[in-house]
Amino acid sequence: MKQKQEIGLEFEIDKLTNSIQNIITGDSFTTEVILINSISELKAILKKNGWQFNWKNELKQPQREVYKLSITNNSNIIQGLISLEVKSDHVYMHLIESSPFNKGRE
């Protein structure tokens, strides 16, 4: 019988919350996940601004949906992005990225 190969992930979940938390002040902010419908929403999401992936290209893929994570009532500032594809028996996550200003210093 063929054994499954484990795939390592390159991120660490340090704490599960229902919101975004400012690590310095401890303040918590409720969030919302919003489907991105237009490339214009991604105009500032560029590698030169610290983003690692080409999210405009991801949005051009017809079988994928790109969602942004934003603080409630402040949807213009993107806290993170995720690209998903709905398959017949599962949802495939192609990319996930935290905004450059949300990445830790460690």
Protein backbone atom coordinates (compact mmCIF):
# COMPACT_ATOMS: atom_id res chain seq x y z
CA MET A 1 0.00 0.00 0.00
CA LYS A 2 1.33 3.44 -0.97
CA GLN A 3 2.03 5.75 1.96
CA LYS A 4 0.95 9.37 1.87
CA GLN A 5 3.72 11.93 1.92
CA GLU A 6 3.36 14.64 4.55
CA ILE A 7 3.55 18.21 3.30
CA GLY A 8 5.04 20.75 5.69
CA LEU A 9 3.51 24.20 5.94
CA GLU A 10 5.57 27.36 6.23
CA PHE A 11 3.43 29.24 8.74
CA GLU A 12 2.75 28.97 12.41
CA ILE A 13 -0.53 29.55 14.18
CA ASP A 14 0.38 31.13 17.49
CA LYS A 15 -3.15 31.76 18.78
CA LEU A 16 -6.72 31.28 17.56
CA THR A 17 -9.01 34.27 17.94
CA ASN A 18 -12.26 35.57 16.46
CA SER A 19 -10.63 38.84 15.54
CA ILE A 20 -7.39 40.65 14.83
CA GLN A 21 -5.42 41.53 17.92
CA ASN A 22 -2.83 44.25 18.25
CA ILE A 23 0.00 42.45 20.00
CA ILE A 24 1.43 45.66 21.50
CA THR A 25 -1.77 47.17 22.94
CA GLY A 26 -3.86 44.00 23.30
CA ASP A 27 -6.76 45.70 21.48
CA SER A 28 -9.04 43.38 19.50
CA PHE A 29 -10.85 44.27 16.27
CA THR A 30 -13.69 42.27 14.73
CA THR A 31 -13.11 41.24 11.15
CA GLU A 32 -14.99 40.33 8.00
CA VAL A 33 -14.06 38.23 4.99
CA ILE A 34 -15.09 39.81 1.68
CA LEU A 35 -15.00 38.39 -1.84
CA ILE A 36 -12.87 40.50 -4.19
CA ASN A 37 -14.64 41.11 -7.49
CA SER A 38 -12.31 43.51 -9.25
CA ILE A 39 -8.59 43.84 -9.93
CA SER A 40 -8.89 47.52 -8.97
CA GLU A 41 -9.36 46.42 -5.34
CA LEU A 42 -5.82 45.03 -5.50
CA LYS A 43 -4.11 48.15 -6.88
CA ALA A 44 -1.81 48.53 -3.83
CA ILE A 45 -1.18 44.79 -3.45
CA LEU A 46 2.23 44.62 -5.10
CA LYS A 47 5.54 42.88 -4.46
CA LYS A 48 7.24 46.29 -4.20
CA ASN A 49 4.88 47.01 -1.27
CA GLY A 50 6.00 43.85 0.52
CA TRP A 51 3.44 41.30 -0.73
CA GLN A 52 4.94 37.91 -1.64
CA PHE A 53 2.44 36.71 -4.29
CA ASN A 54 0.93 38.03 -7.52
CA TRP A 55 -2.68 38.43 -6.34
CA LYS A 56 -3.85 40.10 -9.54
CA ASN A 57 -2.86 36.98 -11.45
CA GLU A 58 -4.63 34.85 -8.84
CA LEU A 59 -7.84 36.84 -9.33
CA LYS A 60 -7.66 36.29 -13.11
CA GLN A 61 -7.98 32.51 -12.64
CA PRO A 62 -11.68 31.81 -13.42
CA GLN A 63 -11.99 28.77 -11.13
CA ARG A 64 -10.59 30.62 -8.09
CA GLU A 65 -12.07 33.12 -5.67
CA VAL A 66 -9.94 35.64 -3.79
CA TYR A 67 -11.14 36.95 -0.43
CA LYS A 68 -9.76 39.74 1.71
CA LEU A 69 -9.71 39.93 5.48
CA SER A 70 -10.55 43.40 6.78
CA ILE A 71 -11.45 45.01 10.06
CA THR A 72 -15.21 45.55 10.27
CA ASN A 73 -16.19 49.03 8.99
CA ASN A 74 -12.69 49.49 7.51
CA SER A 75 -12.76 47.30 4.40
CA ASN A 76 -10.37 49.50 2.41
CA ILE A 77 -7.38 48.24 4.40
CA ILE A 78 -6.59 44.62 3.56
CA GLN A 79 -5.27 42.65 6.53
CA GLY A 80 -4.75 39.45 4.52
CA LEU A 81 -5.75 37.55 1.38
CA ILE A 82 -6.74 33.99 0.54
CA SER A 83 -7.33 32.24 -2.80
CA LEU A 84 -9.76 29.31 -2.83
CA GLU A 85 -11.06 26.87 -5.42
CA VAL A 86 -14.21 24.87 -4.75
CA LYS A 87 -13.75 21.29 -5.97
CA SER A 88 -16.43 18.58 -6.09
CA ASP A 89 -15.38 17.05 -2.76
CA HIS A 90 -13.24 19.72 -1.06
CA VAL A 91 -12.08 23.32 -1.07
CA TYR A 92 -8.51 23.84 -2.24
CA MET A 93 -6.56 26.75 -0.78
CA HIS A 94 -4.08 27.95 -3.41
CA LEU A 95 -2.55 30.89 -1.50
CA ILE A 96 -2.89 32.64 1.82
CA GLU A 97 -0.94 35.71 2.90
CA SER A 98 -0.95 38.14 5.76
CA SER A 99 -0.45 41.79 4.81
CA PRO A 100 3.17 42.98 5.12
CA PHE A 101 2.33 45.26 8.06
CA ASN A 102 0.87 42.30 9.99
CA LYS A 103 4.01 40.18 9.87
CA GLY A 104 6.00 39.81 13.05
CA ARG A 105 9.59 40.79 13.53
CA GLU A 106 10.82 37.43 14.87
